[in-house]
Each structure stands twice: as C-alpha cells, then as structure tokens.
Amino acid sequence: GTLALYSVAAGIGGAIIVQTALDAL
C-alpha cells in the first residue's frame, strides 16, 4: 500500500515535470 501511494505520487510528479515545468512532452 505504501508502494502504491508512492507510485501515484511519482506518476503525477513526473508528468508535472515533463509537461508543466519543462514542456517536454
């Protein structure tokens, strides 16, 4: 369950970085 919560946070965080912050994808 801890891994699942981490995974959701990591998925959202990665998408924010490549789309919102860097406009890469």
mmCIF file of all heavy atoms, coordinates in Angstrom:
data_MODEL
# 
_entry.id   MODEL 
# 
loop_
_atom_site.group_PDB 
_atom_site.id 
_atom_site.type_symbol 
_atom_site.label_atom_id 
_atom_site.label_alt_id 
_atom_site.label_comp_id 
_atom_site.label_asym_id 
_atom_site.label_entity_id 
_atom_site.label_seq_id 
_atom_site.pdbx_PDB_ins_code 
_atom_site.Cartn_x 
_atom_site.Cartn_y 
_atom_site.Cartn_z 
_atom_site.occupancy 
_atom_site.B_iso_or_equiv 
_atom_site.pdbx_formal_charge 
_atom_site.auth_seq_id 
_atom_site.auth_comp_id 
_atom_site.auth_asym_id 
_atom_site.auth_atom_id 
_atom_site.pdbx_PDB_model_num 
ATOM 1   N N   . GLY A 1 1  ? 0.820  -1.212 0.000   1.00 0.00 ? 1  GLY A N   1 
ATOM 2   C CA  . GLY A 1 1  ? 0.000  0.000  0.000   1.00 0.00 ? 1  GLY A CA  1 
ATOM 3   C C   . GLY A 1 1  ? 0.850  1.257  0.000   1.00 0.00 ? 1  GLY A C   1 
ATOM 4   O O   . GLY A 1 1  ? 0.542  2.231  -0.702  1.00 0.00 ? 1  GLY A O   1 
ATOM 5   N N   . THR A 1 2  ? 1.935  1.226  0.766   1.00 0.00 ? 2  THR A N   1 
ATOM 6   C CA  . THR A 1 2  ? 2.877  2.352  0.756   1.00 0.00 ? 2  THR A CA  1 
ATOM 7   C C   . THR A 1 2  ? 3.485  2.535  -0.624  1.00 0.00 ? 2  THR A C   1 
ATOM 8   O O   . THR A 1 2  ? 3.609  3.660  -1.127  1.00 0.00 ? 2  THR A O   1 
ATOM 9   C CB  . THR A 1 2  ? 3.987  2.105  1.790   1.00 0.00 ? 2  THR A CB  1 
ATOM 10  O OG1 . THR A 1 2  ? 3.405  1.922  3.086   1.00 0.00 ? 2  THR A OG1 1 
ATOM 11  C CG2 . THR A 1 2  ? 4.965  3.268  1.824   1.00 0.00 ? 2  THR A CG2 1 
ATOM 12  N N   . LEU A 1 3  ? 3.842  1.417  -1.250  1.00 0.00 ? 3  LEU A N   1 
ATOM 13  C CA  . LEU A 1 3  ? 4.399  1.472  -2.606  1.00 0.00 ? 3  LEU A CA  1 
ATOM 14  C C   . LEU A 1 3  ? 3.372  2.039  -3.584  1.00 0.00 ? 3  LEU A C   1 
ATOM 15  O O   . LEU A 1 3  ? 3.725  2.835  -4.466  1.00 0.00 ? 3  LEU A O   1 
ATOM 16  C CB  . LEU A 1 3  ? 4.829  0.074  -3.048  1.00 0.00 ? 3  LEU A CB  1 
ATOM 17  C CG  . LEU A 1 3  ? 5.292  -0.072 -4.500  1.00 0.00 ? 3  LEU A CG  1 
ATOM 18  C CD1 . LEU A 1 3  ? 6.536  0.778  -4.768  1.00 0.00 ? 3  LEU A CD1 1 
ATOM 19  C CD2 . LEU A 1 3  ? 5.569  -1.533 -4.831  1.00 0.00 ? 3  LEU A CD2 1 
ATOM 20  N N   . ALA A 1 4  ? 2.106  1.657  -3.425  1.00 0.00 ? 4  ALA A N   1 
ATOM 21  C CA  . ALA A 1 4  ? 1.065  2.162  -4.333  1.00 0.00 ? 4  ALA A CA  1 
ATOM 22  C C   . ALA A 1 4  ? 0.899  3.673  -4.191  1.00 0.00 ? 4  ALA A C   1 
ATOM 23  O O   . ALA A 1 4  ? 0.787  4.393  -5.203  1.00 0.00 ? 4  ALA A O   1 
ATOM 24  C CB  . ALA A 1 4  ? -0.259 1.450  -4.047  1.00 0.00 ? 4  ALA A CB  1 
ATOM 25  N N   . LEU A 1 5  ? 0.885  4.171  -2.954  1.00 0.00 ? 5  LEU A N   1 
ATOM 26  C CA  . LEU A 1 5  ? 0.763  5.621  -2.744  1.00 0.00 ? 5  LEU A CA  1 
ATOM 27  C C   . LEU A 1 5  ? 1.964  6.347  -3.331  1.00 0.00 ? 5  LEU A C   1 
ATOM 28  O O   . LEU A 1 5  ? 1.823  7.401  -3.971  1.00 0.00 ? 5  LEU A O   1 
ATOM 29  C CB  . LEU A 1 5  ? 0.632  5.915  -1.255  1.00 0.00 ? 5  LEU A CB  1 
ATOM 30  C CG  . LEU A 1 5  ? -0.678 5.473  -0.590  1.00 0.00 ? 5  LEU A CG  1 
ATOM 31  C CD1 . LEU A 1 5  ? -0.609 5.707  0.917   1.00 0.00 ? 5  LEU A CD1 1 
ATOM 32  C CD2 . LEU A 1 5  ? -1.870 6.204  -1.190  1.00 0.00 ? 5  LEU A CD2 1 
ATOM 33  N N   . TYR A 1 6  ? 3.146  5.794  -3.108  1.00 0.00 ? 6  TYR A N   1 
ATOM 34  C CA  . TYR A 1 6  ? 4.356  6.383  -3.683  1.00 0.00 ? 6  TYR A CA  1 
ATOM 35  C C   . TYR A 1 6  ? 4.267  6.402  -5.203  1.00 0.00 ? 6  TYR A C   1 
ATOM 36  O O   . TYR A 1 6  ? 4.650  7.379  -5.854  1.00 0.00 ? 6  TYR A O   1 
ATOM 37  C CB  . TYR A 1 6  ? 5.579  5.598  -3.224  1.00 0.00 ? 6  TYR A CB  1 
ATOM 38  C CG  . TYR A 1 6  ? 6.869  6.060  -3.859  1.00 0.00 ? 6  TYR A CG  1 
ATOM 39  C CD1 . TYR A 1 6  ? 7.634  7.059  -3.270  1.00 0.00 ? 6  TYR A CD1 1 
ATOM 40  C CD2 . TYR A 1 6  ? 7.313  5.515  -5.070  1.00 0.00 ? 6  TYR A CD2 1 
ATOM 41  C CE1 . TYR A 1 6  ? 8.808  7.499  -3.855  1.00 0.00 ? 6  TYR A CE1 1 
ATOM 42  C CE2 . TYR A 1 6  ? 8.484  5.951  -5.665  1.00 0.00 ? 6  TYR A CE2 1 
ATOM 43  C CZ  . TYR A 1 6  ? 9.225  6.944  -5.055  1.00 0.00 ? 6  TYR A CZ  1 
ATOM 44  O OH  . TYR A 1 6  ? 10.378 7.376  -5.646  1.00 0.00 ? 6  TYR A OH  1 
ATOM 45  N N   . SER A 1 7  ? 3.768  5.319  -5.783  1.00 0.00 ? 7  SER A N   1 
ATOM 46  C CA  . SER A 1 7  ? 3.690  5.214  -7.247  1.00 0.00 ? 7  SER A CA  1 
ATOM 47  C C   . SER A 1 7  ? 2.775  6.279  -7.830  1.00 0.00 ? 7  SER A C   1 
ATOM 48  O O   . SER A 1 7  ? 3.090  6.890  -8.864  1.00 0.00 ? 7  SER A O   1 
ATOM 49  C CB  . SER A 1 7  ? 3.189  3.816  -7.638  1.00 0.00 ? 7  SER A CB  1 
ATOM 50  O OG  . SER A 1 7  ? 4.050  2.808  -7.149  1.00 0.00 ? 7  SER A OG  1 
ATOM 51  N N   . VAL A 1 8  ? 1.638  6.507  -7.184  1.00 0.00 ? 8  VAL A N   1 
ATOM 52  C CA  . VAL A 1 8  ? 0.721  7.549  -7.657  1.00 0.00 ? 8  VAL A CA  1 
ATOM 53  C C   . VAL A 1 8  ? 1.392  8.919  -7.602  1.00 0.00 ? 8  VAL A C   1 
ATOM 54  O O   . VAL A 1 8  ? 1.327  9.711  -8.554  1.00 0.00 ? 8  VAL A O   1 
ATOM 55  C CB  . VAL A 1 8  ? -0.573 7.528  -6.825  1.00 0.00 ? 8  VAL A CB  1 
ATOM 56  C CG1 . VAL A 1 8  ? -1.450 8.733  -7.171  1.00 0.00 ? 8  VAL A CG1 1 
ATOM 57  C CG2 . VAL A 1 8  ? -1.348 6.230  -7.070  1.00 0.00 ? 8  VAL A CG2 1 
ATOM 58  N N   . ALA A 1 9  ? 2.059  9.183  -6.484  1.00 0.00 ? 9  ALA A N   1 
ATOM 59  C CA  . ALA A 1 9  ? 2.755  10.470 -6.349  1.00 0.00 ? 9  ALA A CA  1 
ATOM 60  C C   . ALA A 1 9  ? 3.862  10.614 -7.390  1.00 0.00 ? 9  ALA A C   1 
ATOM 61  O O   . ALA A 1 9  ? 4.041  11.692 -7.981  1.00 0.00 ? 9  ALA A O   1 
ATOM 62  C CB  . ALA A 1 9  ? 3.329  10.603 -4.941  1.00 0.00 ? 9  ALA A CB  1 
ATOM 63  N N   . ALA A 1 10 ? 4.598  9.523  -7.635  1.00 0.00 ? 10 ALA A N   1 
ATOM 64  C CA  . ALA A 1 10 ? 5.686  9.576  -8.612  1.00 0.00 ? 10 ALA A CA  1 
ATOM 65  C C   . ALA A 1 10 ? 5.151  9.759  -10.026 1.00 0.00 ? 10 ALA A C   1 
ATOM 66  O O   . ALA A 1 10 ? 5.739  10.485 -10.831 1.00 0.00 ? 10 ALA A O   1 
ATOM 67  C CB  . ALA A 1 10 ? 6.514  8.296  -8.526  1.00 0.00 ? 10 ALA A CB  1 
ATOM 68  N N   . GLY A 1 11 ? 4.045  9.092  -10.342 1.00 0.00 ? 11 GLY A N   1 
ATOM 69  C CA  . GLY A 1 11 ? 3.455  9.246  -11.670 1.00 0.00 ? 11 GLY A CA  1 
ATOM 70  C C   . GLY A 1 11 ? 2.996  10.671 -11.919 1.00 0.00 ? 11 GLY A C   1 
ATOM 71  O O   . GLY A 1 11 ? 3.291  11.257 -12.979 1.00 0.00 ? 11 GLY A O   1 
ATOM 72  N N   . ILE A 1 12 ? 2.294  11.248 -10.958 1.00 0.00 ? 12 ILE A N   1 
ATOM 73  C CA  . ILE A 1 12 ? 1.817  12.628 -11.099 1.00 0.00 ? 12 ILE A CA  1 
ATOM 74  C C   . ILE A 1 12 ? 2.997  13.601 -11.123 1.00 0.00 ? 12 ILE A C   1 
ATOM 75  O O   . ILE A 1 12 ? 3.049  14.527 -11.937 1.00 0.00 ? 12 ILE A O   1 
ATOM 76  C CB  . ILE A 1 12 ? 0.841  12.973 -9.960  1.00 0.00 ? 12 ILE A CB  1 
ATOM 77  C CG1 . ILE A 1 12 ? -0.433 12.116 -10.081 1.00 0.00 ? 12 ILE A CG1 1 
ATOM 78  C CG2 . ILE A 1 12 ? 0.487  14.454 -9.976  1.00 0.00 ? 12 ILE A CG2 1 
ATOM 79  C CD1 . ILE A 1 12 ? -1.391 12.279 -8.915  1.00 0.00 ? 12 ILE A CD1 1 
ATOM 80  N N   . GLY A 1 13 ? 3.961  13.382 -10.236 1.00 0.00 ? 13 GLY A N   1 
ATOM 81  C CA  . GLY A 1 13 ? 5.113  14.278 -10.182 1.00 0.00 ? 13 GLY A CA  1 
ATOM 82  C C   . GLY A 1 13 ? 5.907  14.269 -11.471 1.00 0.00 ? 13 GLY A C   1 
ATOM 83  O O   . GLY A 1 13 ? 6.332  15.328 -11.968 1.00 0.00 ? 13 GLY A O   1 
ATOM 84  N N   . GLY A 1 14 ? 6.120  13.082 -12.048 1.00 0.00 ? 14 GLY A N   1 
ATOM 85  C CA  . GLY A 1 14 ? 6.854  13.003 -13.306 1.00 0.00 ? 14 GLY A CA  1 
ATOM 86  C C   . GLY A 1 14 ? 6.127  13.708 -14.440 1.00 0.00 ? 14 GLY A C   1 
ATOM 87  O O   . GLY A 1 14 ? 6.735  14.406 -15.254 1.00 0.00 ? 14 GLY A O   1 
ATOM 88  N N   . ALA A 1 15 ? 4.799  13.532 -14.487 1.00 0.00 ? 15 ALA A N   1 
ATOM 89  C CA  . ALA A 1 15 ? 4.014  14.191 -15.531 1.00 0.00 ? 15 ALA A CA  1 
ATOM 90  C C   . ALA A 1 15 ? 4.046  15.709 -15.380 1.00 0.00 ? 15 ALA A C   1 
ATOM 91  O O   . ALA A 1 15 ? 4.115  16.444 -16.371 1.00 0.00 ? 15 ALA A O   1 
ATOM 92  C CB  . ALA A 1 15 ? 2.575  13.679 -15.497 1.00 0.00 ? 15 ALA A CB  1 
ATOM 93  N N   . ILE A 1 16 ? 4.003  16.184 -14.143 1.00 0.00 ? 16 ILE A N   1 
ATOM 94  C CA  . ILE A 1 16 ? 4.073  17.635 -13.909 1.00 0.00 ? 16 ILE A CA  1 
ATOM 95  C C   . ILE A 1 16 ? 5.414  18.184 -14.415 1.00 0.00 ? 16 ILE A C   1 
ATOM 96  O O   . ILE A 1 16 ? 5.467  19.235 -15.072 1.00 0.00 ? 16 ILE A O   1 
ATOM 97  C CB  . ILE A 1 16 ? 3.892  17.950 -12.413 1.00 0.00 ? 16 ILE A CB  1 
ATOM 98  C CG1 . ILE A 1 16 ? 2.441  17.692 -11.992 1.00 0.00 ? 16 ILE A CG1 1 
ATOM 99  C CG2 . ILE A 1 16 ? 4.283  19.397 -12.111 1.00 0.00 ? 16 ILE A CG2 1 
ATOM 100 C CD1 . ILE A 1 16 ? 2.197  17.843 -10.497 1.00 0.00 ? 16 ILE A CD1 1 
ATOM 101 N N   . ILE A 1 17 ? 6.488  17.459 -14.132 1.00 0.00 ? 17 ILE A N   1 
ATOM 102 C CA  . ILE A 1 17 ? 7.813  17.941 -14.520 1.00 0.00 ? 17 ILE A CA  1 
ATOM 103 C C   . ILE A 1 17 ? 7.949  18.019 -16.044 1.00 0.00 ? 17 ILE A C   1 
ATOM 104 O O   . ILE A 1 17 ? 8.364  19.039 -16.605 1.00 0.00 ? 17 ILE A O   1 
ATOM 105 C CB  . ILE A 1 17 ? 8.912  17.038 -13.930 1.00 0.00 ? 17 ILE A CB  1 
ATOM 106 C CG1 . ILE A 1 17 ? 8.967  17.223 -12.407 1.00 0.00 ? 17 ILE A CG1 1 
ATOM 107 C CG2 . ILE A 1 17 ? 10.270 17.359 -14.554 1.00 0.00 ? 17 ILE A CG2 1 
ATOM 108 C CD1 . ILE A 1 17 ? 9.858  16.233 -11.705 1.00 0.00 ? 17 ILE A CD1 1 
ATOM 109 N N   . VAL A 1 18 ? 7.579  16.928 -16.746 1.00 0.00 ? 18 VAL A N   1 
ATOM 110 C CA  . VAL A 1 18 ? 7.822  16.903 -18.197 1.00 0.00 ? 18 VAL A CA  1 
ATOM 111 C C   . VAL A 1 18 ? 6.815  17.729 -18.981 1.00 0.00 ? 18 VAL A C   1 
ATOM 112 O O   . VAL A 1 18 ? 7.108  18.180 -20.094 1.00 0.00 ? 18 VAL A O   1 
ATOM 113 C CB  . VAL A 1 18 ? 7.838  15.456 -18.735 1.00 0.00 ? 18 VAL A CB  1 
ATOM 114 C CG1 . VAL A 1 18 ? 8.953  14.653 -18.090 1.00 0.00 ? 18 VAL A CG1 1 
ATOM 115 C CG2 . VAL A 1 18 ? 6.495  14.768 -18.555 1.00 0.00 ? 18 VAL A CG2 1 
ATOM 116 N N   . GLN A 1 19 ? 5.627  17.955 -18.406 1.00 0.00 ? 19 GLN A N   1 
ATOM 117 C CA  . GLN A 1 19 ? 4.628  18.724 -19.144 1.00 0.00 ? 19 GLN A CA  1 
ATOM 118 C C   . GLN A 1 19 ? 4.544  20.175 -18.684 1.00 0.00 ? 19 GLN A C   1 
ATOM 119 O O   . GLN A 1 19 ? 4.689  21.098 -19.476 1.00 0.00 ? 19 GLN A O   1 
ATOM 120 C CB  . GLN A 1 19 ? 3.261  18.045 -19.018 1.00 0.00 ? 19 GLN A CB  1 
ATOM 121 C CG  . GLN A 1 19 ? 3.143  16.755 -19.816 1.00 0.00 ? 19 GLN A CG  1 
ATOM 122 C CD  . GLN A 1 19 ? 1.703  16.331 -20.044 1.00 0.00 ? 19 GLN A CD  1 
ATOM 123 O OE1 . GLN A 1 19 ? 0.809  16.628 -19.262 1.00 0.00 ? 19 GLN A OE1 1 
ATOM 124 N NE2 . GLN A 1 19 ? 1.473  15.622 -21.142 1.00 0.00 ? 19 GLN A NE2 1 
ATOM 125 N N   . THR A 1 20 ? 4.336  20.376 -17.405 1.00 0.00 ? 20 THR A N   1 
ATOM 126 C CA  . THR A 1 20 ? 4.126  21.739 -16.911 1.00 0.00 ? 20 THR A CA  1 
ATOM 127 C C   . THR A 1 20 ? 5.435  22.499 -16.748 1.00 0.00 ? 20 THR A C   1 
ATOM 128 O O   . THR A 1 20 ? 5.567  23.644 -17.192 1.00 0.00 ? 20 THR A O   1 
ATOM 129 C CB  . THR A 1 20 ? 3.380  21.702 -15.563 1.00 0.00 ? 20 THR A CB  1 
ATOM 130 O OG1 . THR A 1 20 ? 2.178  20.942 -15.716 1.00 0.00 ? 20 THR A OG1 1 
ATOM 131 C CG2 . THR A 1 20 ? 3.040  23.111 -15.098 1.00 0.00 ? 20 THR A CG2 1 
ATOM 132 N N   . ALA A 1 21 ? 6.415  21.868 -16.089 1.00 0.00 ? 21 ALA A N   1 
ATOM 133 C CA  . ALA A 1 21 ? 7.661  22.576 -15.797 1.00 0.00 ? 21 ALA A CA  1 
ATOM 134 C C   . ALA A 1 21 ? 8.571  22.702 -17.008 1.00 0.00 ? 21 ALA A C   1 
ATOM 135 O O   . ALA A 1 21 ? 9.147  23.759 -17.258 1.00 0.00 ? 21 ALA A O   1 
ATOM 136 C CB  . ALA A 1 21 ? 8.389  21.872 -14.658 1.00 0.00 ? 21 ALA A CB  1 
ATOM 137 N N   . LEU A 1 22 ? 8.715  21.621 -17.789 1.00 0.00 ? 22 LEU A N   1 
ATOM 138 C CA  . LEU A 1 22 ? 9.694  21.614 -18.877 1.00 0.00 ? 22 LEU A CA  1 
ATOM 139 C C   . LEU A 1 22 ? 9.071  21.680 -20.269 1.00 0.00 ? 22 LEU A C   1 
ATOM 140 O O   . LEU A 1 22 ? 9.791  21.909 -21.244 1.00 0.00 ? 22 LEU A O   1 
ATOM 141 C CB  . LEU A 1 22 ? 10.565 20.349 -18.780 1.00 0.00 ? 22 LEU A CB  1 
ATOM 142 C CG  . LEU A 1 22 ? 11.358 20.184 -17.480 1.00 0.00 ? 22 LEU A CG  1 
ATOM 143 C CD1 . LEU A 1 22 ? 12.127 18.864 -17.496 1.00 0.00 ? 22 LEU A CD1 1 
ATOM 144 C CD2 . LEU A 1 22 ? 12.304 21.347 -17.266 1.00 0.00 ? 22 LEU A CD2 1 
ATOM 145 N N   . ASP A 1 23 ? 7.780  21.469 -20.361 1.00 0.00 ? 23 ASP A N   1 
ATOM 146 C CA  . ASP A 1 23 ? 7.097  21.477 -21.669 1.00 0.00 ? 23 ASP A CA  1 
ATOM 147 C C   . ASP A 1 23 ? 7.802  20.535 -22.647 1.00 0.00 ? 23 ASP A C   1 
ATOM 148 O O   . ASP A 1 23 ? 8.031  20.866 -23.806 1.00 0.00 ? 23 ASP A O   1 
ATOM 149 C CB  . ASP A 1 23 ? 7.042  22.893 -22.236 1.00 0.00 ? 23 ASP A CB  1 
ATOM 150 C CG  . ASP A 1 23 ? 6.055  23.015 -23.401 1.00 0.00 ? 23 ASP A CG  1 
ATOM 151 O OD1 . ASP A 1 23 ? 5.128  22.183 -23.474 1.00 0.00 ? 23 ASP A OD1 1 
ATOM 152 O OD2 . ASP A 1 23 ? 6.219  23.919 -24.226 1.00 0.00 ? 23 ASP A OD2 1 
ATOM 153 N N   . ALA A 1 24 ? 8.144  19.331 -22.162 1.00 0.00 ? 24 ALA A N   1 
ATOM 154 C CA  . ALA A 1 24 ? 8.913  18.389 -22.976 1.00 0.00 ? 24 ALA A CA  1 
ATOM 155 C C   . ALA A 1 24 ? 8.046  17.376 -23.696 1.00 0.00 ? 24 ALA A C   1 
ATOM 156 O O   . ALA A 1 24 ? 8.454  16.847 -24.732 1.00 0.00 ? 24 ALA A O   1 
ATOM 157 C CB  . ALA A 1 24 ? 9.921  17.654 -22.097 1.00 0.00 ? 24 ALA A CB  1 
ATOM 158 N N   . LEU A 1 25 ? 6.872  17.061 -23.159 1.00 0.00 ? 25 LEU A N   1 
ATOM 159 C CA  . LEU A 1 25 ? 6.012  16.056 -23.768 1.00 0.00 ? 25 LEU A CA  1 
ATOM 160 C C   . LEU A 1 25 ? 4.577  16.562 -23.852 1.00 0.00 ? 25 LEU A C   1 
ATOM 161 O O   . LEU A 1 25 ? 4.071  17.134 -22.882 1.00 0.00 ? 25 LEU A O   1 
ATOM 162 C CB  . LEU A 1 25 ? 6.027  14.753 -22.964 1.00 0.00 ? 25 LEU A CB  1 
ATOM 163 C CG  . LEU A 1 25 ? 7.238  13.828 -23.102 1.00 0.00 ? 25 LEU A CG  1 
ATOM 164 C CD1 . LEU A 1 25 ? 7.077  12.614 -22.206 1.00 0.00 ? 25 LEU A CD1 1 
ATOM 165 C CD2 . LEU A 1 25 ? 7.443  13.395 -24.547 1.00 0.00 ? 25 LEU A CD2 1 
# 
